[in-house]
Amino acid sequence: MDASTQTLLWMYEKMVEIREYEETLVKDYLEGKLPPNIQKGLAFDIGSGPVPGEMHLAAGQEPVAVGVCAHLRKEDTVVGTHRPHHFAIAKGVPLDRMTAEIFGKASGLGKGKGGHMHLFDPEHRFSCSGIIGASLPPACGAALAAKKLGRDWVAVAFFGEGAANQGSFHESLNLAALWKLPVVFVCEDNHWAISVPKDAATSISWVADRAPAYGMPGVKVPENDAMAVYEAAGPAIARARRGEGPTLIEVKTDRYLGHFQGDAEVYRPKDEVPKLRANDPIPRLAAQLAGKGLMSEADRAASESAAKGRVAEAFRFARESPLPKPADALADVFA
């Protein structure tokens, strides 16, 4: 499935935006969490700084988000993981309100109560969860709702290869195939389930090989390439829109950062990340577009400037937004 020039340029700009966003969060998140806190006996104070709590970033995994979401409409549903920012950005979630939520501000998507693993945007039909494997059942629910309403809406569940060993994975694939739900299951295979390598936890090399057992196509994307993901996702999403049921796609992608920020990554070979970064998917896509005569250097510079400008504005908005009032803790709570 060939992408239009406009789509390819959108994919490139979104990948730059996602990378800039995650790299900005690396710096802002660490603020206040390192020395002088060590003087207090804390090597890493997870509760300090403007962004308290855990932080899971997706630098390197941009192709999965943009390659799939480039096919989606606003009314389609995306359910992400505990590492959710790239999916949210690619789905069109407002960058300013998402960042404010991550900073715990009253102007955030959840009024500062959810944080980075619990981003909910009903308008753009995006949600995520900190629970491993929790994306698959809600995506099936959204797909069932679309089917009941007679709409050609599609739901996408993103999850990691570690989640493919959860019961929710097997139950969701079985149900989706049985009821021919318009859902696409997308496995982000970055080889690491926190600190456990895939070959130490999963009995097969490809999660996508499990698809035929549930009566659905299994599609493999062996490279961390945005155009390859786009080409794999297009037929799967079109199939779902036609009412022909689910598809399982597995993408071999790369996680450049730790499982969480502050992760010492002692489980990882020291030369692994430099090798992965040598095959960075963003300059790869730029080279592909330039080779096709679709993007000049001036176009590339303008695209990167626009993406970085949006990120800077979102972080400014988040920092300047007010914190919730103490009484707000009692609002929006079910009695």
C-alpha atoms as a PDB file:
ATOM      1  CA  MET A   1       0.000   0.000   0.000  1.00  0.00           C
ATOM      2  CA  ASP A   2       1.658   3.189  -1.204  1.00  0.00           C
ATOM      3  CA  ALA A   3       1.489   6.256   1.036  1.00  0.00           C
ATOM      4  CA  SER A   4       0.792   9.702  -0.370  1.00  0.00           C
ATOM      5  CA  THR A   5       3.497  12.350  -0.177  1.00  0.00           C
ATOM      6  CA  GLN A   6       1.442  14.232   2.403  1.00  0.00           C
ATOM      7  CA  THR A   7       1.198  11.112   4.593  1.00  0.00           C
ATOM      8  CA  LEU A   8       4.906  10.384   4.376  1.00  0.00           C
ATOM      9  CA  LEU A   9       5.801  13.950   5.292  1.00  0.00           C
ATOM     10  CA  TRP A  10       3.350  13.784   8.207  1.00  0.00           C
ATOM     11  CA  MET A  11       4.996  10.565   9.388  1.00  0.00           C
ATOM     12  CA  TYR A  12       8.440  12.135   9.314  1.00  0.00           C
ATOM     13  CA  GLU A  13       7.361  15.255  11.195  1.00  0.00           C
ATOM     14  CA  LYS A  14       5.509  13.201  13.813  1.00  0.00           C
ATOM     15  CA  MET A  15       8.539  10.982  14.372  1.00  0.00           C
ATOM     16  CA  VAL A  16      10.690  14.054  14.951  1.00  0.00           C
ATOM     17  CA  GLU A  17       8.033  15.441  17.300  1.00  0.00           C
ATOM     18  CA  ILE A  18       7.891  12.207  19.293  1.00  0.00           C
ATOM     19  CA  ARG A  19      11.687  11.983  19.601  1.00  0.00           C
ATOM     20  CA  GLU A  20      11.972  15.622  20.661  1.00  0.00           C
ATOM     21  CA  TYR A  21       9.189  15.109  23.180  1.00  0.00           C
ATOM     22  CA  GLU A  22      10.803  12.069  24.768  1.00  0.00           C
ATOM     23  CA  GLU A  23      14.268  13.611  24.855  1.00  0.00           C
ATOM     24  CA  THR A  24      12.859  16.756  26.466  1.00  0.00           C
ATOM     25  CA  LEU A  25      11.177  14.607  29.093  1.00  0.00           C
ATOM     26  CA  VAL A  26      14.487  12.881  29.819  1.00  0.00           C
ATOM     27  CA  LYS A  27      15.889  16.217  30.984  1.00  0.00           C
ATOM     28  CA  ASP A  28      12.794  17.603  32.710  1.00  0.00           C
ATOM     29  CA  TYR A  29      12.033  14.367  34.517  1.00  0.00           C
ATOM     30  CA  LEU A  30      15.511  14.138  36.079  1.00  0.00           C
ATOM     31  CA  GLU A  31      15.225  17.650  37.511  1.00  0.00           C
ATOM     32  CA  GLY A  32      15.428  17.387  41.298  1.00  0.00           C
ATOM     33  CA  LYS A  33      15.902  13.623  41.310  1.00  0.00           C
ATOM     34  CA  LEU A  34      19.706  13.528  41.331  1.00  0.00           C
ATOM     35  CA  PRO A  35      22.304  15.313  43.570  1.00  0.00           C
ATOM     36  CA  PRO A  36      22.015  17.099  45.939  1.00  0.00           C
ATOM     37  CA  ASN A  37      19.455  14.464  46.921  1.00  0.00           C
ATOM     38  CA  ILE A  38      22.338  12.027  47.321  1.00  0.00           C
ATOM     39  CA  GLN A  39      23.335  14.060  50.400  1.00  0.00           C
ATOM     40  CA  LYS A  40      20.007  13.006  51.912  1.00  0.00           C
ATOM     41  CA  GLY A  41      20.901   9.370  51.382  1.00  0.00           C
ATOM     42  CA  LEU A  42      18.908   9.123  48.166  1.00  0.00           C
ATOM     43  CA  ALA A  43      20.723   8.080  44.996  1.00  0.00           C
ATOM     44  CA  PHE A  44      17.571   8.670  42.955  1.00  0.00           C
ATOM     45  CA  ASP A  45      14.548  10.421  44.435  1.00  0.00           C
ATOM     46  CA  ILE A  46      11.612   9.329  42.290  1.00  0.00           C
ATOM     47  CA  GLY A  47       9.181  11.645  44.078  1.00  0.00           C
ATOM     48  CA  SER A  48      11.106  14.871  43.553  1.00  0.00           C
ATOM     49  CA  GLY A  49      11.116  17.404  40.730  1.00  0.00           C
ATOM     50  CA  PRO A  50       8.350  18.777  38.515  1.00  0.00           C
ATOM     51  CA  VAL A  51       7.428  15.302  37.212  1.00  0.00           C
ATOM     52  CA  PRO A  52       7.214  12.855  40.144  1.00  0.00           C
ATOM     53  CA  GLY A  53       6.676   9.121  39.762  1.00  0.00           C
ATOM     54  CA  GLU A  54       7.843   6.639  37.151  1.00  0.00           C
ATOM     55  CA  MET A  55       8.549   7.572  33.548  1.00  0.00           C
ATOM     56  CA  HIS A  56       8.654   5.205  30.552  1.00  0.00           C
ATOM     57  CA  LEU A  57       9.869   6.702  27.280  1.00  0.00           C
ATOM     58  CA  ALA A  58       9.655   5.419  23.717  1.00  0.00           C
ATOM     59  CA  ALA A  59      12.626   6.955  21.889  1.00  0.00           C
ATOM     60  CA  GLY A  60      13.445   4.565  19.036  1.00  0.00           C
ATOM     61  CA  GLN A  61       9.950   3.108  18.781  1.00  0.00           C
ATOM     62  CA  GLU A  62       8.429   5.928  16.732  1.00  0.00           C
ATOM     63  CA  PRO A  63       7.844   3.863  13.532  1.00  0.00           C
ATOM     64  CA  VAL A  64       5.262   1.642  15.235  1.00  0.00           C
ATOM     65  CA  ALA A  65       3.095   4.587  16.281  1.00  0.00           C
ATOM     66  CA  VAL A  66       3.220   6.641  13.089  1.00  0.00           C
ATOM     67  CA  GLY A  67       3.092   3.717  10.677  1.00  0.00           C
ATOM     68  CA  VAL A  68      -0.158   2.472  12.201  1.00  0.00           C
ATOM     69  CA  CYS A  69      -1.830   5.749  13.150  1.00  0.00           C
ATOM     70  CA  ALA A  70      -1.269   7.204   9.675  1.00  0.00           C
ATOM     71  CA  HIS A  71      -4.167   4.949   8.582  1.00  0.00           C
ATOM     72  CA  LEU A  72      -6.546   5.890  11.386  1.00  0.00           C
ATOM     73  CA  ARG A  73      -9.399   8.365  11.592  1.00  0.00           C
ATOM     74  CA  LYS A  74     -10.346  10.488  14.575  1.00  0.00           C
ATOM     75  CA  GLU A  75     -13.246   8.174  15.429  1.00  0.00           C
ATOM     76  CA  ASP A  76     -10.988   5.092  15.544  1.00  0.00           C
ATOM     77  CA  THR A  77      -9.813   3.950  18.968  1.00  0.00           C
ATOM     78  CA  VAL A  78      -6.230   3.497  20.137  1.00  0.00           C
ATOM     79  CA  VAL A  79      -5.349   1.836  23.430  1.00  0.00           C
ATOM     80  CA  GLY A  80      -1.713   2.223  24.432  1.00  0.00           C
ATOM     81  CA  THR A  81       0.653   0.848  27.030  1.00  0.00           C
ATOM     82  CA  HIS A  82       2.566   2.141  30.041  1.00  0.00           C
ATOM     83  CA  ARG A  83       4.967   3.609  27.429  1.00  0.00           C
ATOM     84  CA  PRO A  84       2.290   5.674  25.704  1.00  0.00           C
ATOM     85  CA  HIS A  85       3.466   9.076  24.476  1.00  0.00           C
ATOM     86  CA  HIS A  86       4.338   8.102  20.902  1.00  0.00           C
ATOM     87  CA  PHE A  87       0.911   6.543  20.379  1.00  0.00           C
ATOM     88  CA  ALA A  88      -0.870   9.549  21.880  1.00  0.00           C
ATOM     89  CA  ILE A  89       1.059  12.022  19.745  1.00  0.00           C
ATOM     90  CA  ALA A  90       0.489  10.021  16.566  1.00  0.00           C
ATOM     91  CA  LYS A  91      -3.251   9.747  17.351  1.00  0.00           C
ATOM     92  CA  GLY A  92      -3.569  13.520  17.709  1.00  0.00           C
ATOM     93  CA  VAL A  93      -3.903  13.919  21.468  1.00  0.00           C
ATOM     94  CA  PRO A  94      -3.277  17.617  22.283  1.00  0.00           C
ATOM     95  CA  LEU A  95       0.380  17.989  23.198  1.00  0.00           C
ATOM     96  CA  ASP A  96      -0.165  20.805  25.693  1.00  0.00           C
ATOM     97  CA  ARG A  97      -2.851  19.074  27.762  1.00  0.00           C
ATOM     98  CA  MET A  98      -0.982  15.766  27.668  1.00  0.00           C
ATOM     99  CA  THR A  99       2.188  17.412  28.942  1.00  0.00           C
ATOM    100  CA  ALA A 100       0.259  19.250  31.642  1.00  0.00           C
ATOM    101  CA  GLU A 101      -1.159  15.903  32.778  1.00  0.00           C
ATOM    102  CA  ILE A 102       2.336  14.431  32.980  1.00  0.00           C
ATOM    103  CA  PHE A 103       3.375  17.411  35.115  1.00  0.00           C
ATOM    104  CA  GLY A 104       0.345  16.857  37.364  1.00  0.00           C
ATOM    105  CA  LYS A 105      -1.295  20.157  36.463  1.00  0.00           C
ATOM    106  CA  ALA A 106      -4.966  21.125  36.622  1.00  0.00           C
ATOM    107  CA  SER A 107      -5.006  21.859  32.875  1.00  0.00           C
ATOM    108  CA  GLY A 108      -4.060  18.259  32.050  1.00  0.00           C
ATOM    109  CA  LEU A 109      -6.184  15.665  30.297  1.00  0.00           C
ATOM    110  CA  GLY A 110      -7.168  14.184  33.675  1.00  0.00           C
ATOM    111  CA  LYS A 111      -6.792  17.391  35.688  1.00  0.00           C
ATOM    112  CA  GLY A 112      -3.389  16.166  36.850  1.00  0.00           C
ATOM    113  CA  LYS A 113      -4.717  13.035  38.548  1.00  0.00           C
ATOM    114  CA  GLY A 114      -3.594  10.367  36.114  1.00  0.00           C
ATOM    115  CA  GLY A 115      -0.005  11.083  35.194  1.00  0.00           C
ATOM    116  CA  HIS A 116       1.896   9.734  32.247  1.00  0.00           C
ATOM    117  CA  MET A 117       0.648   6.116  32.356  1.00  0.00           C
ATOM    118  CA  HIS A 118      -3.031   7.062  32.565  1.00  0.00           C
ATOM    119  CA  LEU A 119      -3.709   9.411  29.678  1.00  0.00           C
ATOM    120  CA  PHE A 120      -7.348   9.557  28.604  1.00  0.00           C
ATOM    121  CA  ASP A 121      -8.692  11.640  25.737  1.00  0.00           C
ATOM    122  CA  PRO A 122     -12.269  10.688  24.784  1.00  0.00           C
ATOM    123  CA  GLU A 123     -12.337  13.278  21.983  1.00  0.00           C
ATOM    124  CA  HIS A 124      -9.467  11.600  20.160  1.00  0.00           C
ATOM    125  CA  ARG A 125     -10.405   8.137  21.456  1.00  0.00           C
ATOM    126  CA  PHE A 126      -7.122   7.439  23.147  1.00  0.00           C
ATOM    127  CA  SER A 127      -6.366   5.729  26.439  1.00  0.00           C
ATOM    128  CA  CYS A 128      -3.566   3.783  28.075  1.00  0.00           C
ATOM    129  CA  SER A 129      -2.772   1.893  31.258  1.00  0.00           C
ATOM    130  CA  GLY A 130       0.134   0.956  33.483  1.00  0.00           C
ATOM    131  CA  ILE A 131      -1.032  -2.676  33.635  1.00  0.00           C
ATOM    132  CA  ILE A 132       0.794  -5.090  31.343  1.00  0.00           C
ATOM    133  CA  GLY A 133      -1.530  -6.541  28.721  1.00  0.00           C
ATOM    134  CA  ALA A 134      -4.367  -4.201  29.666  1.00  0.00           C
ATOM    135  CA  SER A 135      -4.687  -2.641  26.214  1.00  0.00           C
ATOM    136  CA  LEU A 136      -6.175  -5.671  24.483  1.00  0.00           C
ATOM    137  CA  PRO A 137      -9.555  -6.170  26.239  1.00  0.00           C
ATOM    138  CA  PRO A 138     -10.609  -2.468  26.026  1.00  0.00           C
ATOM    139  CA  ALA A 139      -9.720  -2.419  22.321  1.00  0.00           C
ATOM    140  CA  CYS A 140     -11.972  -5.437  21.838  1.00  0.00           C
ATOM    141  CA  GLY A 141     -14.696  -3.540  23.680  1.00  0.00           C
ATOM    142  CA  ALA A 142     -14.355  -0.513  21.413  1.00  0.00           C
ATOM    143  CA  ALA A 143     -14.388  -2.784  18.360  1.00  0.00           C
ATOM    144  CA  LEU A 144     -17.524  -4.538  19.616  1.00  0.00           C
ATOM    145  CA  ALA A 145     -19.222  -1.165  20.136  1.00  0.00           C
ATOM    146  CA  ALA A 146     -18.384  -0.156  16.560  1.00  0.00           C
ATOM    147  CA  LYS A 147     -19.789  -3.429  15.253  1.00  0.00           C
ATOM    148  CA  LYS A 148     -22.989  -3.097  17.295  1.00  0.00           C
ATOM    149  CA  LEU A 149     -23.462   0.462  16.038  1.00  0.00           C
ATOM    150  CA  GLY A 150     -22.891  -0.573  12.444  1.00  0.00           C
ATOM    151  CA  ARG A 151     -19.944   1.801  12.010  1.00  0.00           C
ATOM    152  CA  ASP A 152     -16.711   1.083  10.159  1.00  0.00           C
ATOM    153  CA  TRP A 153     -14.599   2.250  13.083  1.00  0.00           C
ATOM    154  CA  VAL A 154     -11.437   0.335  13.947  1.00  0.00           C
ATOM    155  CA  ALA A 155      -9.740  -0.229  17.291  1.00  0.00           C
ATOM    156  CA  VAL A 156      -5.994  -0.759  17.725  1.00  0.00           C
ATOM    157  CA  ALA A 157      -4.370  -2.366  20.763  1.00  0.00           C
ATOM    158  CA  PHE A 158      -0.643  -1.722  21.158  1.00  0.00           C
ATOM    159  CA  PHE A 159       1.315  -3.960  23.532  1.00  0.00           C
ATOM    160  CA  GLY A 160       4.824  -5.246  24.126  1.00  0.00           C
ATOM    161  CA  GLU A 161       6.138  -8.727  23.437  1.00  0.00           C
ATOM    162  CA  GLY A 162       6.177  -9.416  27.171  1.00  0.00           C
ATOM    163  CA  ALA A 163       2.412  -8.829  27.300  1.00  0.00           C
ATOM    164  CA  ALA A 164       1.946 -11.542  24.666  1.00  0.00           C
ATOM    165  CA  ASN A 165       2.455 -14.088  27.448  1.00  0.00           C
ATOM    166  CA  GLN A 166      -0.405 -12.678  29.524  1.00  0.00           C
ATOM    167  CA  GLY A 167      -3.817 -14.305  29.655  1.00  0.00           C
ATOM    168  CA  SER A 168      -5.421 -11.119  28.373  1.00  0.00           C
ATOM    169  CA  PHE A 169      -3.555 -11.543  25.087  1.00  0.00           C
ATOM    170  CA  HIS A 170      -4.883 -15.033  24.428  1.00  0.00           C
ATOM    171  CA  GLU A 171      -8.404 -14.268  25.623  1.00  0.00           C
ATOM    172  CA  SER A 172      -8.631 -11.117  23.517  1.00  0.00           C
ATOM    173  CA  LEU A 173      -7.366 -12.726  20.313  1.00  0.00           C
ATOM    174  CA  ASN A 174      -9.754 -15.643  20.730  1.00  0.00           C
ATOM    175  CA  LEU A 175     -12.760 -13.393  21.333  1.00  0.00           C
ATOM    176  CA  ALA A 176     -11.874 -10.975  18.526  1.00  0.00           C
ATOM    177  CA  ALA A 177     -11.557 -13.797  16.009  1.00  0.00           C
ATOM    178  CA  LEU A 178     -14.710 -15.550  17.224  1.00  0.00           C
ATOM    179  CA  TRP A 179     -16.808 -12.400  16.891  1.00  0.00           C
ATOM    180  CA  LYS A 180     -14.931 -10.978  13.870  1.00  0.00           C
ATOM    181  CA  LEU A 181     -14.237  -7.737  15.686  1.00  0.00           C
ATOM    182  CA  PRO A 182     -12.692  -4.775  13.787  1.00  0.00           C
ATOM    183  CA  VAL A 183      -9.548  -4.692  15.897  1.00  0.00           C
ATOM    184  CA  VAL A 184      -5.847  -4.760  15.037  1.00  0.00           C
ATOM    185  CA  PHE A 185      -3.390  -6.071  17.611  1.00  0.00           C
ATOM    186  CA  VAL A 186       0.078  -4.510  17.285  1.00  0.00           C
ATOM    187  CA  CYS A 187       2.988  -6.024  19.195  1.00  0.00           C
ATOM    188  CA  GLU A 188       5.931  -3.696  19.813  1.00  0.00           C
ATOM    189  CA  ASP A 189       8.760  -6.205  20.087  1.00  0.00           C
ATOM    190  CA  ASN A 190      11.740  -4.334  21.546  1.00  0.00           C
ATOM    191  CA  HIS A 191      13.261  -7.579  22.872  1.00  0.00           C
ATOM    192  CA  TRP A 192      13.080  -6.498  26.527  1.00  0.00           C
ATOM    193  CA  ALA A 193      10.208  -7.164  28.926  1.00  0.00           C
ATOM    194  CA  ILE A 194      11.573  -4.766  31.532  1.00  0.00           C
ATOM    195  CA  SER A 195      14.918  -6.554  32.056  1.00  0.00           C
ATOM    196  CA  VAL A 196      14.034 -10.001  30.682  1.00  0.00           C
ATOM    197  CA  PRO A 197      15.127 -10.759  27.103  1.00  0.00           C
ATOM    198  CA  LYS A 198      12.460 -12.195  24.845  1.00  0.00           C
ATOM    199  CA  ASP A 199      14.228 -15.512  24.295  1.00  0.00           C
ATOM    200  CA  ALA A 200      14.234 -16.135  28.049  1.00  0.00           C
ATOM    201  CA  ALA A 201      10.491 -15.669  28.400  1.00  0.00           C
ATOM    202  CA  THR A 202       8.834 -16.605  25.099  1.00  0.00           C
ATOM    203  CA  SER A 203       8.984 -20.031  23.487  1.00  0.00           C
ATOM    204  CA  ILE A 204       8.816 -18.763  19.893  1.00  0.00           C
ATOM    205  CA  SER A 205      10.796 -16.162  17.973  1.00  0.00           C
ATOM    206  CA  TRP A 206       7.749 -14.405  16.513  1.00  0.00           C
ATOM    207  CA  VAL A 207       4.603 -13.582  18.485  1.00  0.00           C
ATOM    208  CA  ALA A 208       2.884 -13.146  15.101  1.00  0.00           C
ATOM    209  CA  ASP A 209       3.208 -16.915  14.581  1.00  0.00           C
ATOM    210  CA  ARG A 210       0.488 -17.370  17.195  1.00  0.00           C
ATOM    211  CA  ALA A 211      -2.099 -15.660  14.981  1.00  0.00           C
ATOM    212  CA  PRO A 212      -3.161 -18.692  12.889  1.00  0.00           C
ATOM    213  CA  ALA A 213      -4.055 -20.595  16.060  1.00  0.00           C
ATOM    214  CA  TYR A 214      -6.716 -17.951  16.667  1.00  0.00           C
ATOM    215  CA  GLY A 215      -7.939 -17.839  13.083  1.00  0.00           C
ATOM    216  CA  MET A 216      -6.463 -14.526  12.014  1.00  0.00           C
ATOM    217  CA  PRO A 217      -3.574 -13.301   9.835  1.00  0.00           C
ATOM    218  CA  GLY A 218      -0.204 -12.777  11.466  1.00  0.00           C
ATOM    219  CA  VAL A 219       2.048 -10.125   9.928  1.00  0.00           C
ATOM    220  CA  LYS A 220       5.768  -9.706  10.634  1.00  0.00           C
ATOM    221  CA  VAL A 221       7.703  -6.457  10.272  1.00  0.00           C
ATOM    222  CA  PRO A 222      11.354  -7.435  10.836  1.00  0.00           C
ATOM    223  CA  GLU A 223      12.835  -3.930  10.699  1.00  0.00           C
ATOM    224  CA  ASN A 224      12.257  -0.748  12.685  1.00  0.00           C
ATOM    225  CA  ASP A 225      11.144   1.049   9.545  1.00  0.00           C
ATOM    226  CA  ALA A 226       8.202   3.476   9.370  1.00  0.00           C
ATOM    227  CA  MET A 227       7.335   2.745   5.744  1.00  0.00           C
ATOM    228  CA  ALA A 228       7.395  -1.008   6.386  1.00  0.00           C
ATOM    229  CA  VAL A 229       5.026  -0.575   9.331  1.00  0.00           C
ATOM    230  CA  TYR A 230       2.732   1.606   7.211  1.00  0.00           C
ATOM    231  CA  GLU A 231       2.616  -1.029   4.485  1.00  0.00           C
ATOM    232  CA  ALA A 232       1.835  -3.788   7.002  1.00  0.00           C
ATOM    233  CA  ALA A 233      -0.822  -1.844   8.888  1.00  0.00           C
ATOM    234  CA  GLY A 234      -2.781  -0.638   5.855  1.00  0.00           C
ATOM    235  CA  PRO A 235      -4.242  -3.993   4.747  1.00  0.00           C
ATOM    236  CA  ALA A 236      -4.956  -5.003   8.364  1.00  0.00           C
ATOM    237  CA  ILE A 237      -6.897  -1.824   9.098  1.00  0.00           C
ATOM    238  CA  ALA A 238      -8.734  -1.991   5.772  1.00  0.00           C
ATOM    239  CA  ARG A 239      -9.641  -5.616   6.494  1.00  0.00           C
ATOM    240  CA  ALA A 240     -11.045  -4.639   9.874  1.00  0.00           C
ATOM    241  CA  ARG A 241     -13.095  -1.796   8.324  1.00  0.00           C
ATOM    242  CA  ARG A 242     -14.623  -4.247   5.858  1.00  0.00           C
ATOM    243  CA  GLY A 243     -15.845  -6.392   8.745  1.00  0.00           C
ATOM    244  CA  GLU A 244     -13.459  -9.260   8.025  1.00  0.00           C
ATOM    245  CA  GLY A 245     -12.044  -9.457  11.545  1.00  0.00           C
ATOM    246  CA  PRO A 246      -8.782  -8.936  13.420  1.00  0.00           C
ATOM    247  CA  THR A 247      -5.105  -9.100  12.498  1.00  0.00           C
ATOM    248  CA  LEU A 248      -2.002  -9.537  14.652  1.00  0.00           C
ATOM    249  CA  ILE A 249       1.030  -7.469  13.608  1.00  0.00           C
ATOM    250  CA  GLU A 250       4.454  -7.755  15.228  1.00  0.00           C
ATOM    251  CA  VAL A 251       7.086  -5.088  14.683  1.00  0.00           C
ATOM    252  CA  LYS A 252      10.713  -5.560  15.686  1.00  0.00           C
ATOM    253  CA  THR A 253      11.531  -2.157  17.147  1.00  0.00           C
ATOM    254  CA  ASP A 254      14.253  -0.660  19.351  1.00  0.00           C
ATOM    255  CA  ARG A 255      14.128   0.809  22.846  1.00  0.00           C
ATOM    256  CA  TYR A 256      16.963   3.310  23.183  1.00  0.00           C
ATOM    257  CA  LEU A 257      16.353   4.203  26.827  1.00  0.00           C
ATOM    258  CA  GLY A 258      15.864   2.157  29.978  1.00  0.00           C
ATOM    259  CA  HIS A 259      12.620   0.465  30.869  1.00  0.00           C
ATOM    260  CA  PHE A 260      12.053   3.511  33.065  1.00  0.00           C
ATOM    261  CA  GLN A 261      14.072   6.651  33.647  1.00  0.00           C
ATOM    262  CA  GLY A 262      16.578   5.881  36.393  1.00  0.00           C
ATOM    263  CA  ASP A 263      16.949   2.287  35.176  1.00  0.00           C
ATOM    264  CA  ALA A 264      20.627   1.340  35.584  1.00  0.00           C
ATOM    265  CA  GLU A 265      20.251  -1.125  32.665  1.00  0.00           C
ATOM    266  CA  VAL A 266      22.821  -3.519  34.123  1.00  0.00           C
ATOM    267  CA  TYR A 267      21.047  -6.351  32.299  1.00  0.00           C
ATOM    268  CA  ARG A 268      21.834  -4.862  28.903  1.00  0.00           C
ATOM    269  CA  PRO A 269      25.050  -5.346  26.875  1.00  0.00           C
ATOM    270  CA  LYS A 270      26.963  -2.052  26.946  1.00  0.00           C
ATOM    271  CA  ASP A 271      27.274  -1.900  23.173  1.00  0.00           C
ATOM    272  CA  GLU A 272      23.639  -2.668  22.407  1.00  0.00           C
ATOM    273  CA  VAL A 273      22.173   0.848  22.360  1.00  0.00           C
ATOM    274  CA  PRO A 274      24.947   2.411  20.227  1.00  0.00           C
ATOM    275  CA  LYS A 275      24.383  -0.355  17.673  1.00  0.00           C
ATOM    276  CA  LEU A 276      20.644   0.271  17.693  1.00  0.00           C
ATOM    277  CA  ARG A 277      21.064   4.028  17.345  1.00  0.00           C
ATOM    278  CA  ALA A 278      23.261   3.493  14.301  1.00  0.00           C
ATOM    279  CA  ASN A 279      20.081   2.338  12.549  1.00  0.00           C
ATOM    280  CA  ASP A 280      17.934   5.256  13.761  1.00  0.00           C
ATOM    281  CA  PRO A 281      14.559   5.163  11.937  1.00  0.00           C
ATOM    282  CA  ILE A 282      14.219   8.959  11.697  1.00  0.00           C
ATOM    283  CA  PRO A 283      17.209   9.675   9.430  1.00  0.00           C
ATOM    284  CA  ARG A 284      16.337   6.470   7.597  1.00  0.00           C
ATOM    285  CA  LEU A 285      12.896   7.825   6.710  1.00  0.00           C
ATOM    286  CA  ALA A 286      14.448  11.182   5.767  1.00  0.00           C
ATOM    287  CA  ALA A 287      16.811   9.414   3.389  1.00  0.00           C
ATOM    288  CA  GLN A 288      13.937   7.412   1.893  1.00  0.00           C
ATOM    289  CA  LEU A 289      11.915  10.566   1.291  1.00  0.00           C
ATOM    290  CA  ALA A 290      14.889  12.422  -0.162  1.00  0.00           C
ATOM    291  CA  GLY A 291      15.673   9.468  -2.420  1.00  0.00           C
ATOM    292  CA  LYS A 292      12.131   9.595  -3.798  1.00  0.00           C
ATOM    293  CA  GLY A 293      12.425  13.340  -4.347  1.00  0.00           C
ATOM    294  CA  LEU A 294       9.651  13.986  -1.812  1.00  0.00           C
ATOM    295  CA  MET A 295      11.592  16.059   0.735  1.00  0.00           C
ATOM    296  CA  SER A 296      14.313  18.640   0.185  1.00  0.00           C
ATOM    297  CA  GLU A 297      16.757  19.770   2.857  1.00  0.00           C
ATOM    298  CA  ALA A 298      14.729  22.955   3.248  1.00  0.00           C
ATOM    299  CA  ASP A 299      11.559  20.889   3.702  1.00  0.00           C
ATOM    300  CA  ARG A 300      13.308  18.744   6.288  1.00  0.00           C
ATOM    301  CA  ALA A 301      14.563  21.742   8.252  1.00  0.00           C
ATOM    302  CA  ALA A 302      11.121  23.360   8.236  1.00  0.00           C
ATOM    303  CA  SER A 303       9.459  20.141   9.367  1.00  0.00           C
ATOM    304  CA  GLU A 304      11.902  19.621  12.210  1.00  0.00           C
ATOM    305  CA  SER A 305      11.595  23.244  13.317  1.00  0.00           C
ATOM    306  CA  ALA A 306       7.793  23.022  13.399  1.00  0.00           C
ATOM    307  CA  ALA A 307       7.840  19.777  15.390  1.00  0.00           C
ATOM    308  CA  LYS A 308      10.347  21.059  17.930  1.00  0.00           C
ATOM    309  CA  GLY A 309       8.418  24.307  18.271  1.00  0.00           C
ATOM    310  CA  ARG A 310       5.236  22.432  19.202  1.00  0.00           C
ATOM    311  CA  VAL A 311       7.102  20.444  21.823  1.00  0.00           C
ATOM    312  CA  ALA A 312       8.693  23.543  23.354  1.00  0.00           C
ATOM    313  CA  GLU A 313       5.299  25.261  23.527  1.00  0.00           C
ATOM    314  CA  ALA A 314       3.701  22.219  25.179  1.00  0.00           C
ATOM    315  CA  PHE A 315       6.358  22.089  27.898  1.00  0.00           C
ATOM    316  CA  ARG A 316       6.046  25.833  28.452  1.00  0.00           C
ATOM    317  CA  PHE A 317       2.283  25.441  28.856  1.00  0.00           C
ATOM    318  CA  ALA A 318       2.734  22.592  31.320  1.00  0.00           C
ATOM    319  CA  ARG A 319       5.262  24.411  33.491  1.00  0.00           C
ATOM    320  CA  GLU A 320       3.171  27.595  33.608  1.00  0.00           C
ATOM    321  CA  SER A 321      -0.129  25.825  34.306  1.00  0.00           C
ATOM    322  CA  PRO A 322      -1.425  25.833  37.911  1.00  0.00           C
ATOM    323  CA  LEU A 323      -1.316  22.839  40.198  1.00  0.00           C
ATOM    324  CA  PRO A 324      -4.659  21.386  41.297  1.00  0.00           C
ATOM    325  CA  LYS A 325      -6.121  22.765  44.516  1.00  0.00           C
ATOM    326  CA  PRO A 326      -6.151  20.393  47.510  1.00  0.00           C
ATOM    327  CA  ALA A 327      -9.960  20.267  47.412  1.00  0.00           C
ATOM    328  CA  ASP A 328      -9.774  18.993  43.823  1.00  0.00           C
ATOM    329  CA  ALA A 329      -8.731  15.611  45.200  1.00  0.00           C
ATOM    330  CA  LEU A 330     -12.368  15.078  46.182  1.00  0.00           C
ATOM    331  CA  ALA A 331     -13.779  16.026  42.771  1.00  0.00           C
ATOM    332  CA  ASP A 332     -14.571  13.526  40.000  1.00  0.00           C
ATOM    333  CA  VAL A 333     -14.589  10.647  42.494  1.00  0.00           C
ATOM    334  CA  PHE A 334     -17.309   8.034  42.449  1.00  0.00           C
ATOM    335  CA  ALA A 335     -19.173   7.874  45.746  1.00  0.00           C
END
